[in-house]
Protein backbone atom coordinates (compact mmCIF):
# COMPACT_ATOMS: atom_id res chain seq x y z
CA UNK A 1 -10.38 24.90 30.35
CA UNK A 2 -11.16 21.09 30.30
CA UNK A 3 -7.76 19.48 29.42
CA UNK A 4 -6.87 16.96 26.29
CA UNK A 5 -5.71 14.35 28.43
CA UNK A 6 -5.24 13.78 32.67
CA UNK A 7 -4.25 11.63 34.72
CA UNK A 8 -5.68 11.00 37.94
CA UNK A 9 -3.70 9.28 40.49
CA UNK A 10 -2.00 6.54 37.89
CA UNK A 11 -0.47 3.66 39.68
CA UNK A 12 1.32 1.04 37.76
CA UNK A 13 3.62 -1.38 39.11
CA UNK A 14 5.79 -3.99 36.42
CA UNK A 15 5.01 -7.41 37.48
CA UNK A 16 9.29 -7.61 38.32
CA UNK A 17 9.67 -4.91 40.39
CA UNK A 18 9.36 -3.79 43.32
CA UNK A 19 8.73 -0.56 43.67
CA UNK A 20 5.78 1.12 41.77
CA UNK A 21 6.31 2.58 38.51
CA UNK A 22 3.91 4.93 38.70
CA UNK A 23 3.00 6.19 41.86
CA UNK A 24 0.16 8.25 42.40
CA UNK A 25 0.45 10.55 39.09
CA UNK A 26 -2.25 13.06 38.52
CA UNK A 27 -1.04 15.32 35.40
CA UNK A 28 -2.68 17.42 33.09
CA UNK A 29 -2.01 18.48 29.40
CA UNK A 30 -3.39 21.01 27.56
CA UNK A 31 -3.90 22.01 24.58
CA UNK A 32 -1.03 24.54 21.56
CA UNK A 33 1.72 23.37 24.68
CA UNK A 34 5.20 22.74 24.25
CA UNK A 35 6.25 20.38 27.14
CA UNK A 36 9.19 19.04 28.37
CA UNK A 37 8.91 15.90 30.66
CA UNK A 38 12.49 15.37 32.22
CA UNK A 39 13.43 12.89 35.06
CA UNK A 40 16.37 10.81 35.97
CA UNK A 41 16.62 6.79 34.52
CA UNK A 42 13.59 4.87 35.95
CA UNK A 43 11.85 8.01 37.24
CA UNK A 44 8.97 7.42 35.43
CA UNK A 45 8.94 9.04 32.03
CA UNK A 46 7.92 6.00 29.57
CA UNK A 47 5.64 4.57 31.60
CA UNK A 48 3.92 7.32 31.67
CA UNK A 49 3.51 7.64 28.08
CA UNK A 50 2.54 4.28 27.51
CA UNK A 51 -0.27 5.17 29.67
CA UNK A 52 -1.24 8.52 27.66
CA UNK A 53 -1.62 6.50 24.23
CA UNK A 54 -3.01 3.68 25.92
CA UNK A 55 -0.31 0.75 25.94
CA UNK A 56 -0.31 0.31 29.56
CA UNK A 57 -3.58 1.01 31.83
CA UNK A 58 -3.70 1.78 35.20
CA UNK A 59 -3.98 -0.64 37.93
CA UNK A 60 -5.10 2.22 39.96
CA UNK A 61 -6.29 5.36 38.77
CA UNK A 62 -8.07 6.90 35.84
CA UNK A 63 -6.51 8.48 32.47
CA UNK A 64 -9.17 10.99 30.80
CA UNK A 65 -9.69 12.36 27.78
CA UNK A 66 -11.37 15.70 26.96
CA UNK A 67 -12.62 15.09 30.50
CA UNK A 68 -14.06 11.76 29.77
CA UNK A 69 -12.67 8.25 31.34
CA UNK A 70 -10.53 6.04 28.53
CA UNK A 71 -12.17 3.14 27.73
CA UNK A 72 -9.73 -0.02 27.26
CA UNK A 73 -11.94 -1.13 24.44
CA UNK A 74 -11.92 -1.30 20.62
CA UNK A 75 -13.75 1.69 20.41
CA UNK A 76 -12.16 3.59 23.76
CA UNK A 77 -8.54 2.97 22.13
CA UNK A 78 -9.25 4.00 18.98
CA UNK A 79 -10.41 7.17 20.76
CA UNK A 80 -7.69 7.98 22.57
CA UNK A 81 -5.07 6.86 19.52
CA UNK A 82 -7.05 8.95 17.09
CA UNK A 83 -6.24 12.35 19.50
CA UNK A 84 -2.59 10.94 20.83
CA UNK A 85 -0.02 9.56 19.08
CA UNK A 86 3.31 8.23 20.62
CA UNK A 87 6.82 8.38 18.78
CA UNK A 88 8.91 5.37 20.39
CA UNK A 89 12.55 5.78 21.48
CA UNK A 90 13.65 3.26 19.37
CA UNK A 91 12.22 4.20 15.99
CA UNK A 92 12.54 -0.29 15.28
CA UNK A 93 10.55 -0.42 17.73
CA UNK A 94 7.94 1.27 15.82
CA UNK A 95 8.73 0.76 11.99
CA UNK A 96 6.94 -2.77 10.55
CA UNK A 97 6.21 -2.14 7.22
CA UNK A 98 8.37 -3.33 4.52
CA UNK A 99 8.41 0.19 2.48
CA UNK A 100 8.09 3.99 4.29
CA UNK A 101 4.83 4.37 2.39
CA UNK A 102 3.32 1.60 3.55
CA UNK A 103 4.41 2.06 7.27
CA UNK A 104 3.10 5.76 6.77
CA UNK A 105 0.13 5.12 5.54
CA UNK A 106 -1.03 2.02 7.98
CA UNK A 107 -2.19 4.53 10.63
CA UNK A 108 -4.05 6.66 8.38
CA UNK A 109 -5.73 2.98 7.19
CA UNK A 110 -6.60 1.51 10.51
CA UNK A 111 -8.49 4.29 11.30
CA UNK A 112 -10.68 3.82 9.20
CA UNK A 113 -9.65 6.22 6.05
CA UNK A 114 -9.91 5.64 2.83
CA UNK A 115 -7.41 4.83 0.45
CA UNK A 116 -7.55 8.80 -1.30
CA UNK A 117 -7.59 10.21 2.04
CA UNK A 118 -4.40 7.79 3.69
CA UNK A 119 -2.47 8.85 0.95
CA UNK A 120 -3.56 12.83 1.65
CA UNK A 121 -2.31 12.32 4.83
CA UNK A 122 0.90 10.44 3.92
CA UNK A 123 2.12 12.91 1.89
CA UNK A 124 1.25 15.51 3.86
CA UNK A 125 3.16 13.93 6.76
CA UNK A 126 6.11 13.08 4.41
CA UNK A 127 6.54 16.61 3.32
CA UNK A 128 6.48 18.21 6.54
CA UNK A 129 8.88 15.53 8.16
CA UNK A 130 10.53 15.78 4.79
CA UNK A 131 10.78 12.00 3.99
CA UNK A 132 9.10 13.05 0.91
CA UNK A 133 11.96 11.22 -0.99
CA UNK A 134 12.22 8.03 0.91
CA UNK A 135 8.41 6.56 0.10
CA UNK A 136 9.26 3.75 -1.56
CA UNK A 137 12.61 2.78 0.41
CA UNK A 138 12.69 -0.02 2.41
CA UNK A 139 12.30 0.98 6.08
CA UNK A 140 15.16 -1.20 6.21
CA UNK A 141 17.28 0.52 4.63
CA UNK A 142 17.51 4.06 6.21
CA UNK A 143 19.99 5.11 8.35
CA UNK A 144 18.60 6.14 12.03
CA UNK A 145 18.06 10.26 11.70
CA UNK A 146 15.46 9.30 9.21
CA UNK A 147 14.14 6.76 10.65
CA UNK A 148 13.34 8.45 13.01
CA UNK A 149 11.42 11.16 10.67
CA UNK A 150 9.52 8.16 9.14
CA UNK A 151 8.22 7.10 12.88
CA UNK A 152 7.05 10.32 13.65
CA UNK A 153 5.38 11.05 10.08
CA UNK A 154 3.98 7.74 10.44
CA UNK A 155 2.27 9.03 13.70
CA UNK A 156 1.75 12.28 12.57
CA UNK A 157 -0.06 10.94 10.01
CA UNK A 158 -3.38 10.05 11.90
CA UNK A 159 -3.52 13.93 12.67
CA UNK A 160 -2.85 14.04 17.14
CA UNK A 161 -3.73 16.51 19.12
CA UNK A 162 -0.93 15.46 21.34
CA UNK A 163 2.20 14.49 20.21
CA UNK A 164 4.06 12.36 22.99
CA UNK A 165 7.87 11.63 21.56
CA UNK A 166 10.09 9.44 24.06
CA UNK A 167 13.88 11.22 23.91
CA UNK A 168 13.48 10.85 19.70
CA UNK A 169 16.22 13.69 19.57
CA UNK A 170 18.84 11.83 21.06
CA UNK A 171 20.82 9.64 18.47
CA UNK A 172 20.15 13.06 15.65
CA UNK A 173 22.72 14.95 14.39
CA UNK A 174 22.73 18.51 15.46
CA UNK A 175 20.94 19.56 11.95
CA UNK A 176 18.86 17.20 11.63
CA UNK A 177 18.13 18.21 15.58
CA UNK A 178 17.19 21.29 14.70
CA UNK A 179 14.78 20.16 11.96
CA UNK A 180 12.90 18.53 14.33
CA UNK A 181 12.01 20.91 17.19
CA UNK A 182 11.53 22.82 13.21
CA UNK A 183 8.67 20.37 13.45
CA UNK A 184 7.32 20.01 16.78
CA UNK A 185 7.22 24.17 16.86
CA UNK A 186 4.70 23.83 13.99
CA UNK A 187 2.63 21.61 15.28
CA UNK A 188 2.61 23.76 18.14
CA UNK A 189 1.73 26.86 16.17
CA UNK A 190 -0.87 24.59 14.83
CA UNK A 191 -2.46 24.25 18.12
CA UNK A 192 -1.38 20.58 18.69
CA UNK A 193 0.54 20.28 21.84
CA UNK A 194 4.00 18.15 21.99
CA UNK A 195 5.53 16.74 25.29
CA UNK A 196 9.03 15.56 24.61
CA UNK A 197 10.55 13.66 26.88
CA UNK A 198 14.16 14.58 26.92
CA UNK A 199 17.99 14.27 29.20
CA UNK A 200 18.63 18.15 27.36
CA UNK A 201 17.93 20.63 30.10
CA UNK A 202 19.34 23.02 27.60
CA UNK A 203 15.91 22.15 25.69
CA UNK A 204 13.80 21.69 28.84
CA UNK A 205 14.81 25.35 29.58
CA UNK A 206 14.72 26.97 26.58
CA UNK A 207 12.27 25.36 24.21
CA UNK A 208 9.28 24.65 26.49
CA UNK A 209 6.59 26.22 28.03
CA UNK A 210 5.93 23.96 30.64
CA UNK A 211 8.16 21.07 32.30
CA UNK A 212 7.41 18.36 34.21
CA UNK A 213 10.26 17.05 36.11
CA UNK A 214 9.64 13.03 37.97
CA UNK A 215 11.16 11.56 40.41
CA UNK A 216 10.12 7.50 41.62
CA UNK A 217 7.03 7.31 39.84
CA UNK A 218 5.87 10.52 40.46
CA UNK A 219 6.06 14.30 39.63
CA UNK A 220 7.69 16.55 41.87
CA UNK A 221 6.82 19.45 39.49
CA UNK A 222 4.99 21.18 36.92
CA UNK A 223 5.87 24.21 36.66
CA UNK A 224 7.08 26.84 33.73
CA UNK A 225 11.43 26.56 32.85
CA UNK A 226 11.96 29.90 34.46
CA UNK A 227 10.69 28.79 37.07
CA UNK A 228 12.01 25.75 37.88
CA UNK A 229 15.71 26.74 36.53
CA UNK A 230 15.92 30.19 38.23
CA UNK A 231 14.90 29.02 41.98
CA UNK A 232 18.27 27.60 43.82
CA UNK A 233 15.37 25.19 46.50
CA UNK A 234 13.82 23.90 43.37
CA UNK A 235 17.11 22.67 41.97
CA UNK A 236 18.28 21.49 44.59
CA UNK A 237 15.03 19.27 45.58
CA UNK A 238 14.69 18.19 42.39
CA UNK A 239 18.60 17.47 42.43
CA UNK A 240 18.83 19.67 38.96
CA UNK A 241 21.31 21.79 40.03
CA UNK A 242 23.78 18.60 40.38
CA UNK A 243 23.74 17.95 36.86
CA UNK A 244 25.49 20.54 34.20
CA UNK A 245 23.43 22.83 31.53
């Protein structure tokens, strides 16, 4: 079966750095999966995620959506972002409208939906993310946890098939984390794929169907968590044996 999204030998180096942020990365995302993306800071996780949504473009290599090479013109990026949604680690980088309702509706309207269809998408996403009571609130008046859920609702309102989430649980209290994972699990039950970047190895081991370990801009291993966390040789190779779990 063709992967929903695939990166093939992707290379990218930021102008200010000597080493490549991504150095020949090849990885594929299927359908209906829970995927944990782990690795040290600077391993390339965020750069990989930005390529998945087209914010960054490979300097070498190819990104494919449903087997077709992504084109970086307006039509190609619109096609990609209809299917692949990205939630950034800091919701303040994602929220820019005056009210919650306006922020969540921006994506659907930008995709060309009419006002009635966009309103329906907003209501559905707000209910799923438990922010319906916040719809008329100014975005700047939200708490950190509320901002995270509103940012997630804004992405889900575009109905992506692949959700990329960059450390979104890090600043949430345990109750909100539980609510977040409930949302992510419901998406997977609908046949969508969730890729979650996390430093929480307990989450990687207990929540994910598949774990991607990155190191120095490369994908070190892709395997089910049971294989990774039960094999001393893999733990040593990935340096996960140095982390308390």
